Amino acid sequence: MEEENWEASSSSENEAGFAVDDDEEFHSGPKLQFRVGSSKARWVRELGMAEVEVKRGKLWTTTGIIRSGKTYCFIEEALYLSEIGELQILGNEDDDVVIPLKGLYEMIAEEKNGCCWEEYEVYRYLKGLGYILGRHGVPWTSKGAAIMTESVCAGEGEDSVTKLLGDMQICDARAVFDVYLPNSRFKKSSPGEPSFVACLSGDSPPSKEDVRVLQSRIVAPLRFCHIAQGRVSFFSFSSINLLVLP
């Protein structure tokens, strides 16, 4: 087993890697500070996502998924961008009332939108280091979604589907984010293979069987996350062949 501790560092750059001007003017809101010209999105309760209405800056080249020409962001993306003042999340109604951070935190705590607090801590930590993250198995674009559907349809039939569902049921560990190295040329239409896949396994390390199941389903290297008192650590497993004693 290999363990990695990646120290978080505070920096004067935003998540897209661009320098922050300390003298830049801010708009103030209730417990939030937004940049002048920040992006805006409206939360769609039925989808469990926010539909982006106003996109500002280059951060959207690595954030949000595209469907039918529209950009949507998940709760973890919405909260992270709100925390750094780059995105205002408006309510589901036709008004322009901004959802406060407390409201977004409560949405994470409810775990009804596909992300729990532990997953968000992993997301925020890696984004702060400059990595590009997407939900595991969720294509960035409609084109990617179509390709994935075709690959499933062209699989080995009912037996392979049954095996996959069975593997998902017996595996307590789960893959949560596809993680890419910082890349100024990243394209959602052709993201390539992730550098690694971030996985969670609850309060205890994953079992050997859990690791085997995930490795059988995922081509990219696996990194298992452990969160303790706000500190995020990563570790991986490698095979070790022991000598057979005479």
C-alpha atoms as a PDB file:
ATOM      1  CA  MET A   1       0.000   0.000   0.000  1.00  0.00           C
ATOM      2  CA  GLU A   2       1.307   3.427  -0.915  1.00  0.00           C
ATOM      3  CA  GLU A   3       0.133   6.493   0.938  1.00  0.00           C
ATOM      4  CA  GLU A   4       0.251  10.055  -0.299  1.00  0.00           C
ATOM      5  CA  ASN A   5      -0.365  13.213   1.715  1.00  0.00           C
ATOM      6  CA  TRP A   6      -0.851  16.225  -0.516  1.00  0.00           C
ATOM      7  CA  GLU A   7      -0.541  19.408   1.490  1.00  0.00           C
ATOM      8  CA  ALA A   8      -3.131  22.046   0.714  1.00  0.00           C
ATOM      9  CA  SER A   9      -1.659  25.464   0.028  1.00  0.00           C
ATOM     10  CA  SER A  10      -3.306  28.851   0.051  1.00  0.00           C
ATOM     11  CA  SER A  11      -2.558  30.787  -3.095  1.00  0.00           C
ATOM     12  CA  SER A  12      -3.359  34.025  -4.824  1.00  0.00           C
ATOM     13  CA  GLU A  13      -4.751  32.163  -7.825  1.00  0.00           C
ATOM     14  CA  ASN A  14      -8.293  31.067  -8.506  1.00  0.00           C
ATOM     15  CA  GLU A  15      -9.297  27.524  -9.479  1.00  0.00           C
ATOM     16  CA  ALA A  16      -8.640  28.208 -13.151  1.00  0.00           C
ATOM     17  CA  GLY A  17      -5.046  29.186 -12.387  1.00  0.00           C
ATOM     18  CA  PHE A  18      -5.361  32.906 -12.995  1.00  0.00           C
ATOM     19  CA  ALA A  19      -3.910  35.465 -10.626  1.00  0.00           C
ATOM     20  CA  VAL A  20      -6.301  37.281  -8.333  1.00  0.00           C
ATOM     21  CA  ASP A  21      -6.068  41.039  -8.122  1.00  0.00           C
ATOM     22  CA  ASP A  22      -6.293  41.984  -4.456  1.00  0.00           C
ATOM     23  CA  ASP A  23      -7.518  45.446  -5.401  1.00  0.00           C
ATOM     24  CA  GLU A  24     -10.380  44.142  -7.508  1.00  0.00           C
ATOM     25  CA  GLU A  25     -13.798  45.418  -6.459  1.00  0.00           C
ATOM     26  CA  PHE A  26     -16.257  42.991  -4.890  1.00  0.00           C
ATOM     27  CA  HIS A  27     -20.021  42.913  -4.617  1.00  0.00           C
ATOM     28  CA  SER A  28     -21.132  41.939  -1.152  1.00  0.00           C
ATOM     29  CA  GLY A  29     -24.048  39.663  -0.382  1.00  0.00           C
ATOM     30  CA  PRO A  30     -25.268  37.903   2.736  1.00  0.00           C
ATOM     31  CA  LYS A  31     -22.155  35.970   3.900  1.00  0.00           C
ATOM     32  CA  LEU A  32     -20.911  35.922   0.307  1.00  0.00           C
ATOM     33  CA  GLN A  33     -18.584  38.108  -1.730  1.00  0.00           C
ATOM     34  CA  PHE A  34     -18.897  37.942  -5.500  1.00  0.00           C
ATOM     35  CA  ARG A  35     -16.570  39.411  -8.061  1.00  0.00           C
ATOM     36  CA  VAL A  36     -17.842  42.106 -10.348  1.00  0.00           C
ATOM     37  CA  GLY A  37     -19.104  40.247 -13.404  1.00  0.00           C
ATOM     38  CA  SER A  38     -19.312  36.867 -11.678  1.00  0.00           C
ATOM     39  CA  SER A  39     -21.152  34.033 -13.403  1.00  0.00           C
ATOM     40  CA  LYS A  40     -24.773  33.230 -12.592  1.00  0.00           C
ATOM     41  CA  ALA A  41     -26.681  29.961 -12.493  1.00  0.00           C
ATOM     42  CA  ARG A  42     -30.195  28.981 -11.455  1.00  0.00           C
ATOM     43  CA  TRP A  43     -30.810  25.904  -9.340  1.00  0.00           C
ATOM     44  CA  VAL A  44     -33.149  23.370 -10.941  1.00  0.00           C
ATOM     45  CA  ARG A  45     -34.518  21.223  -8.153  1.00  0.00           C
ATOM     46  CA  GLU A  46     -35.926  18.576 -10.494  1.00  0.00           C
ATOM     47  CA  LEU A  47     -32.477  17.993 -11.995  1.00  0.00           C
ATOM     48  CA  GLY A  48     -30.460  18.388  -8.817  1.00  0.00           C
ATOM     49  CA  MET A  49     -28.175  20.724 -10.769  1.00  0.00           C
ATOM     50  CA  ALA A  50     -27.786  24.405 -11.573  1.00  0.00           C
ATOM     51  CA  GLU A  51     -28.310  25.679 -15.113  1.00  0.00           C
ATOM     52  CA  VAL A  52     -25.703  28.292 -15.946  1.00  0.00           C
ATOM     53  CA  GLU A  53     -27.292  31.461 -17.324  1.00  0.00           C
ATOM     54  CA  VAL A  54     -24.282  33.792 -17.425  1.00  0.00           C
ATOM     55  CA  LYS A  55     -20.759  32.454 -17.979  1.00  0.00           C
ATOM     56  CA  ARG A  56     -17.800  34.687 -17.185  1.00  0.00           C
ATOM     57  CA  GLY A  57     -14.141  33.739 -17.308  1.00  0.00           C
ATOM     58  CA  LYS A  58     -12.275  30.674 -18.500  1.00  0.00           C
ATOM     59  CA  LEU A  59     -13.193  28.482 -15.558  1.00  0.00           C
ATOM     60  CA  TRP A  60     -16.089  26.972 -17.522  1.00  0.00           C
ATOM     61  CA  THR A  61     -13.660  25.164 -19.821  1.00  0.00           C
ATOM     62  CA  THR A  62     -13.077  22.744 -16.929  1.00  0.00           C
ATOM     63  CA  THR A  63     -16.319  23.029 -14.950  1.00  0.00           C
ATOM     64  CA  GLY A  64     -19.853  21.841 -15.675  1.00  0.00           C
ATOM     65  CA  ILE A  65     -21.343  19.414 -18.156  1.00  0.00           C
ATOM     66  CA  ILE A  66     -22.908  20.358 -21.491  1.00  0.00           C
ATOM     67  CA  ARG A  67     -26.278  19.013 -22.581  1.00  0.00           C
ATOM     68  CA  SER A  68     -28.271  20.302 -25.597  1.00  0.00           C
ATOM     69  CA  GLY A  69     -26.084  23.384 -25.809  1.00  0.00           C
ATOM     70  CA  LYS A  70     -26.613  24.327 -22.151  1.00  0.00           C
ATOM     71  CA  THR A  71     -24.110  24.157 -19.300  1.00  0.00           C
ATOM     72  CA  TYR A  72     -25.102  22.596 -15.983  1.00  0.00           C
ATOM     73  CA  CYS A  73     -23.072  22.293 -12.803  1.00  0.00           C
ATOM     74  CA  PHE A  74     -23.435  19.848  -9.949  1.00  0.00           C
ATOM     75  CA  ILE A  75     -23.870  20.885  -6.332  1.00  0.00           C
ATOM     76  CA  GLU A  76     -20.154  20.427  -5.539  1.00  0.00           C
ATOM     77  CA  GLU A  77     -19.194  22.674  -8.454  1.00  0.00           C
ATOM     78  CA  ALA A  78     -21.823  25.256  -7.536  1.00  0.00           C
ATOM     79  CA  LEU A  79     -20.729  25.396  -3.899  1.00  0.00           C
ATOM     80  CA  TYR A  80     -17.021  25.580  -4.683  1.00  0.00           C
ATOM     81  CA  LEU A  81     -17.434  28.408  -7.167  1.00  0.00           C
ATOM     82  CA  SER A  82     -19.720  30.235  -4.735  1.00  0.00           C
ATOM     83  CA  GLU A  83     -17.127  29.922  -1.979  1.00  0.00           C
ATOM     84  CA  ILE A  84     -14.460  31.571  -4.132  1.00  0.00           C
ATOM     85  CA  GLY A  85     -16.874  34.282  -5.315  1.00  0.00           C
ATOM     86  CA  GLU A  86     -17.060  33.207  -8.969  1.00  0.00           C
ATOM     87  CA  LEU A  87     -20.692  32.063  -9.174  1.00  0.00           C
ATOM     88  CA  GLN A  88     -24.043  33.263  -7.880  1.00  0.00           C
ATOM     89  CA  ILE A  89     -26.643  30.509  -7.472  1.00  0.00           C
ATOM     90  CA  LEU A  90     -30.181  31.831  -7.869  1.00  0.00           C
ATOM     91  CA  GLY A  91     -33.280  30.113  -6.527  1.00  0.00           C
ATOM     92  CA  ASN A  92     -35.515  27.831  -8.538  1.00  0.00           C
ATOM     93  CA  GLU A  93     -38.154  30.537  -8.961  1.00  0.00           C
ATOM     94  CA  ASP A  94     -38.148  33.432 -11.419  1.00  0.00           C
ATOM     95  CA  ASP A  95     -36.665  35.836  -8.867  1.00  0.00           C
ATOM     96  CA  ASP A  96     -32.998  36.788  -8.547  1.00  0.00           C
ATOM     97  CA  VAL A  97     -32.546  35.883  -4.875  1.00  0.00           C
ATOM     98  CA  VAL A  98     -29.092  34.369  -4.349  1.00  0.00           C
ATOM     99  CA  ILE A  99     -28.939  31.145  -2.358  1.00  0.00           C
ATOM    100  CA  PRO A 100     -26.588  31.834   0.608  1.00  0.00           C
ATOM    101  CA  LEU A 101     -23.695  29.564   1.469  1.00  0.00           C
ATOM    102  CA  LYS A 102     -25.663  28.166   4.381  1.00  0.00           C
ATOM    103  CA  GLY A 103     -28.350  27.023   1.980  1.00  0.00           C
ATOM    104  CA  LEU A 104     -25.790  25.351  -0.284  1.00  0.00           C
ATOM    105  CA  TYR A 105     -24.154  23.642   2.700  1.00  0.00           C
ATOM    106  CA  GLU A 106     -27.553  22.306   3.741  1.00  0.00           C
ATOM    107  CA  MET A 107     -28.075  20.925   0.232  1.00  0.00           C
ATOM    108  CA  ILE A 108     -24.770  19.047   0.537  1.00  0.00           C
ATOM    109  CA  ALA A 109     -25.721  17.773   4.000  1.00  0.00           C
ATOM    110  CA  GLU A 110     -29.027  16.397   2.684  1.00  0.00           C
ATOM    111  CA  GLU A 111     -27.118  14.151   0.262  1.00  0.00           C
ATOM    112  CA  LYS A 112     -30.003  14.351  -2.196  1.00  0.00           C
ATOM    113  CA  ASN A 113     -28.045  15.754  -5.127  1.00  0.00           C
ATOM    114  CA  GLY A 114     -25.434  13.066  -5.635  1.00  0.00           C
ATOM    115  CA  CYS A 115     -22.772  14.452  -3.318  1.00  0.00           C
ATOM    116  CA  CYS A 116     -22.100  14.103   0.413  1.00  0.00           C
ATOM    117  CA  TRP A 117     -19.896  16.260   2.613  1.00  0.00           C
ATOM    118  CA  GLU A 118     -16.901  13.880   2.439  1.00  0.00           C
ATOM    119  CA  GLU A 119     -17.032  13.932  -1.356  1.00  0.00           C
ATOM    120  CA  TYR A 120     -17.187  17.701  -1.359  1.00  0.00           C
ATOM    121  CA  GLU A 121     -14.120  17.938   0.871  1.00  0.00           C
ATOM    122  CA  VAL A 122     -12.229  15.805  -1.656  1.00  0.00           C
ATOM    123  CA  TYR A 123     -13.517  17.952  -4.521  1.00  0.00           C
ATOM    124  CA  ARG A 124     -12.602  21.248  -2.850  1.00  0.00           C
ATOM    125  CA  TYR A 125      -9.168  19.995  -1.846  1.00  0.00           C
ATOM    126  CA  LEU A 126      -8.189  18.811  -5.320  1.00  0.00           C
ATOM    127  CA  LYS A 127      -9.681  21.850  -7.065  1.00  0.00           C
ATOM    128  CA  GLY A 128      -7.650  24.055  -4.745  1.00  0.00           C
ATOM    129  CA  LEU A 129      -4.534  22.264  -5.987  1.00  0.00           C
ATOM    130  CA  GLY A 130      -5.473  23.014  -9.604  1.00  0.00           C
ATOM    131  CA  TYR A 131      -6.722  19.586 -10.705  1.00  0.00           C
ATOM    132  CA  ILE A 132      -9.634  19.209 -13.128  1.00  0.00           C
ATOM    133  CA  LEU A 133     -12.484  17.105 -11.718  1.00  0.00           C
ATOM    134  CA  GLY A 134     -15.632  15.560 -13.104  1.00  0.00           C
ATOM    135  CA  ARG A 135     -18.091  13.145 -11.556  1.00  0.00           C
ATOM    136  CA  HIS A 136     -16.957   9.637 -12.280  1.00  0.00           C
ATOM    137  CA  GLY A 137     -18.750   8.091 -15.233  1.00  0.00           C
ATOM    138  CA  VAL A 138     -20.615  11.282 -16.192  1.00  0.00           C
ATOM    139  CA  PRO A 139     -19.613  12.436 -19.702  1.00  0.00           C
ATOM    140  CA  TRP A 140     -18.663  16.092 -20.054  1.00  0.00           C
ATOM    141  CA  THR A 141     -20.731  16.552 -23.233  1.00  0.00           C
ATOM    142  CA  SER A 142     -23.755  15.064 -24.991  1.00  0.00           C
ATOM    143  CA  LYS A 143     -21.363  13.535 -27.520  1.00  0.00           C
ATOM    144  CA  GLY A 144     -19.552  11.705 -24.746  1.00  0.00           C
ATOM    145  CA  ALA A 145     -22.881  10.497 -23.367  1.00  0.00           C
ATOM    146  CA  ALA A 146     -23.835   9.105 -26.782  1.00  0.00           C
ATOM    147  CA  ILE A 147     -20.509   7.276 -27.102  1.00  0.00           C
ATOM    148  CA  MET A 148     -20.933   5.749 -23.651  1.00  0.00           C
ATOM    149  CA  THR A 149     -24.448   4.573 -24.497  1.00  0.00           C
ATOM    150  CA  GLU A 150     -23.221   2.977 -27.717  1.00  0.00           C
ATOM    151  CA  SER A 151     -20.398   1.186 -25.900  1.00  0.00           C
ATOM    152  CA  VAL A 152     -22.841  -0.248 -23.369  1.00  0.00           C
ATOM    153  CA  CYS A 153     -25.195  -1.406 -26.135  1.00  0.00           C
ATOM    154  CA  ALA A 154     -22.255  -3.024 -27.939  1.00  0.00           C
ATOM    155  CA  GLY A 155     -21.146  -4.921 -24.823  1.00  0.00           C
ATOM    156  CA  GLU A 156     -21.356  -8.603 -24.154  1.00  0.00           C
ATOM    157  CA  GLY A 157     -25.072  -8.663 -23.625  1.00  0.00           C
ATOM    158  CA  GLU A 158     -27.203  -9.414 -20.598  1.00  0.00           C
ATOM    159  CA  ASP A 159     -24.511 -11.457 -18.843  1.00  0.00           C
ATOM    160  CA  SER A 160     -22.087  -8.510 -18.729  1.00  0.00           C
ATOM    161  CA  VAL A 161     -24.791  -6.171 -17.470  1.00  0.00           C
ATOM    162  CA  THR A 162     -25.807  -8.621 -14.747  1.00  0.00           C
ATOM    163  CA  LYS A 163     -22.169  -9.012 -13.685  1.00  0.00           C
ATOM    164  CA  LEU A 164     -21.692  -5.235 -13.545  1.00  0.00           C
ATOM    165  CA  LEU A 165     -24.775  -4.756 -11.386  1.00  0.00           C
ATOM    166  CA  GLY A 166     -23.656  -7.576  -9.134  1.00  0.00           C
ATOM    167  CA  ASP A 167     -20.211  -5.999  -8.732  1.00  0.00           C
ATOM    168  CA  MET A 168     -21.783  -2.660  -7.837  1.00  0.00           C
ATOM    169  CA  GLN A 169     -23.897  -4.267  -5.137  1.00  0.00           C
ATOM    170  CA  ILE A 170     -21.100  -6.171  -3.408  1.00  0.00           C
ATOM    171  CA  CYS A 171     -18.616  -3.282  -3.491  1.00  0.00           C
ATOM    172  CA  ASP A 172     -18.733  -0.909  -0.510  1.00  0.00           C
ATOM    173  CA  ALA A 173     -16.055   1.381  -1.940  1.00  0.00           C
ATOM    174  CA  ARG A 174     -17.142   3.734  -4.703  1.00  0.00           C
ATOM    175  CA  ALA A 175     -15.500   5.848  -7.373  1.00  0.00           C
ATOM    176  CA  VAL A 176     -16.539   9.494  -7.043  1.00  0.00           C
ATOM    177  CA  PHE A 177     -14.413  11.755  -9.269  1.00  0.00           C
ATOM    178  CA  ASP A 178     -12.400  11.442 -12.468  1.00  0.00           C
ATOM    179  CA  VAL A 179      -9.305  13.586 -11.876  1.00  0.00           C
ATOM    180  CA  TYR A 180      -7.174  15.189 -14.584  1.00  0.00           C
ATOM    181  CA  LEU A 181      -3.863  16.998 -14.250  1.00  0.00           C
ATOM    182  CA  PRO A 182      -3.945  20.787 -14.710  1.00  0.00           C
ATOM    183  CA  ASN A 183      -4.086  21.374 -18.450  1.00  0.00           C
ATOM    184  CA  SER A 184      -4.651  24.701 -20.221  1.00  0.00           C
ATOM    185  CA  ARG A 185      -5.628  22.763 -23.380  1.00  0.00           C
ATOM    186  CA  PHE A 186      -8.282  20.624 -21.708  1.00  0.00           C
ATOM    187  CA  LYS A 187     -11.387  20.096 -23.851  1.00  0.00           C
ATOM    188  CA  LYS A 188     -14.669  18.684 -22.616  1.00  0.00           C
ATOM    189  CA  SER A 189     -15.308  17.203 -26.047  1.00  0.00           C
ATOM    190  CA  SER A 190     -12.120  15.106 -25.820  1.00  0.00           C
ATOM    191  CA  PRO A 191     -10.943  14.949 -22.198  1.00  0.00           C
ATOM    192  CA  GLY A 192      -8.970  11.745 -22.595  1.00  0.00           C
ATOM    193  CA  GLU A 193      -8.378   9.268 -19.788  1.00  0.00           C
ATOM    194  CA  PRO A 194      -8.226  10.709 -16.270  1.00  0.00           C
ATOM    195  CA  SER A 195      -4.911  10.791 -14.427  1.00  0.00           C
ATOM    196  CA  PHE A 196      -6.593   8.871 -11.620  1.00  0.00           C
ATOM    197  CA  VAL A 197     -10.009   8.163 -10.126  1.00  0.00           C
ATOM    198  CA  ALA A 198     -10.728   9.332  -6.578  1.00  0.00           C
ATOM    199  CA  CYS A 199     -12.578   6.713  -4.508  1.00  0.00           C
ATOM    200  CA  LEU A 200     -14.212   6.636  -1.073  1.00  0.00           C
ATOM    201  CA  SER A 201     -14.707   3.595   1.134  1.00  0.00           C
ATOM    202  CA  GLY A 202     -16.289   4.958   4.307  1.00  0.00           C
ATOM    203  CA  ASP A 203     -14.541   5.079   7.664  1.00  0.00           C
ATOM    204  CA  SER A 204     -12.388   1.986   7.095  1.00  0.00           C
ATOM    205  CA  PRO A 205      -9.917   1.050   4.334  1.00  0.00           C
ATOM    206  CA  PRO A 206     -11.412  -0.815   1.375  1.00  0.00           C
ATOM    207  CA  SER A 207     -11.306  -4.564   1.423  1.00  0.00           C
ATOM    208  CA  LYS A 208      -9.233  -6.547  -1.038  1.00  0.00           C
ATOM    209  CA  GLU A 209     -12.432  -7.566  -2.804  1.00  0.00           C
ATOM    210  CA  ASP A 210     -13.590  -3.941  -3.112  1.00  0.00           C
ATOM    211  CA  VAL A 211     -10.276  -2.975  -4.700  1.00  0.00           C
ATOM    212  CA  ARG A 212     -10.490  -5.913  -7.087  1.00  0.00           C
ATOM    213  CA  VAL A 213     -14.020  -4.992  -8.165  1.00  0.00           C
ATOM    214  CA  LEU A 214     -13.150  -1.352  -8.800  1.00  0.00           C
ATOM    215  CA  GLN A 215      -9.977  -2.254 -10.677  1.00  0.00           C
ATOM    216  CA  SER A 216     -11.973  -4.592 -12.899  1.00  0.00           C
ATOM    217  CA  ARG A 217     -14.302  -1.740 -13.880  1.00  0.00           C
ATOM    218  CA  ILE A 218     -11.908   1.218 -14.080  1.00  0.00           C
ATOM    219  CA  VAL A 219      -8.886   1.530 -16.354  1.00  0.00           C
ATOM    220  CA  ALA A 220      -7.338   4.583 -14.698  1.00  0.00           C
ATOM    221  CA  PRO A 221      -5.274   4.317 -11.487  1.00  0.00           C
ATOM    222  CA  LEU A 222      -7.296   4.402  -8.258  1.00  0.00           C
ATOM    223  CA  ARG A 223      -6.621   6.744  -5.344  1.00  0.00           C
ATOM    224  CA  PHE A 224      -8.578   6.073  -2.155  1.00  0.00           C
ATOM    225  CA  CYS A 225      -9.433   9.119  -0.046  1.00  0.00           C
ATOM    226  CA  HIS A 226      -9.462   9.379   3.727  1.00  0.00           C
ATOM    227  CA  ILE A 227     -10.867  12.453   5.477  1.00  0.00           C
ATOM    228  CA  ALA A 228     -10.063  13.148   9.116  1.00  0.00           C
ATOM    229  CA  GLN A 229     -10.600  16.494  10.868  1.00  0.00           C
ATOM    230  CA  GLY A 230     -10.700  18.318   7.567  1.00  0.00           C
ATOM    231  CA  ARG A 231      -7.470  16.759   6.322  1.00  0.00           C
ATOM    232  CA  VAL A 232      -7.611  14.793   3.088  1.00  0.00           C
ATOM    233  CA  SER A 233      -5.143  11.964   2.482  1.00  0.00           C
ATOM    234  CA  PHE A 234      -4.795   9.659  -0.504  1.00  0.00           C
ATOM    235  CA  PHE A 235      -3.468   6.142  -0.728  1.00  0.00           C
ATOM    236  CA  SER A 236      -3.258   3.436  -3.373  1.00  0.00           C
ATOM    237  CA  PHE A 237      -2.643  -0.292  -3.501  1.00  0.00           C
ATOM    238  CA  SER A 238      -0.116  -2.211  -5.511  1.00  0.00           C
ATOM    239  CA  SER A 239       0.490  -5.932  -5.799  1.00  0.00           C
ATOM    240  CA  ILE A 240       3.360  -7.371  -3.792  1.00  0.00           C
ATOM    241  CA  ASN A 241       4.690 -10.852  -4.563  1.00  0.00           C
ATOM    242  CA  LEU A 242       6.167 -12.526  -1.491  1.00  0.00           C
ATOM    243  CA  LEU A 243       8.965 -15.011  -1.836  1.00  0.00           C
ATOM    244  CA  VAL A 244       7.981 -18.584  -1.073  1.00  0.00           C
ATOM    245  CA  LEU A 245      10.208 -19.904   1.666  1.00  0.00           C
ATOM    246  CA  PRO A 246      11.547 -23.452   1.259  1.00  0.00           C
END
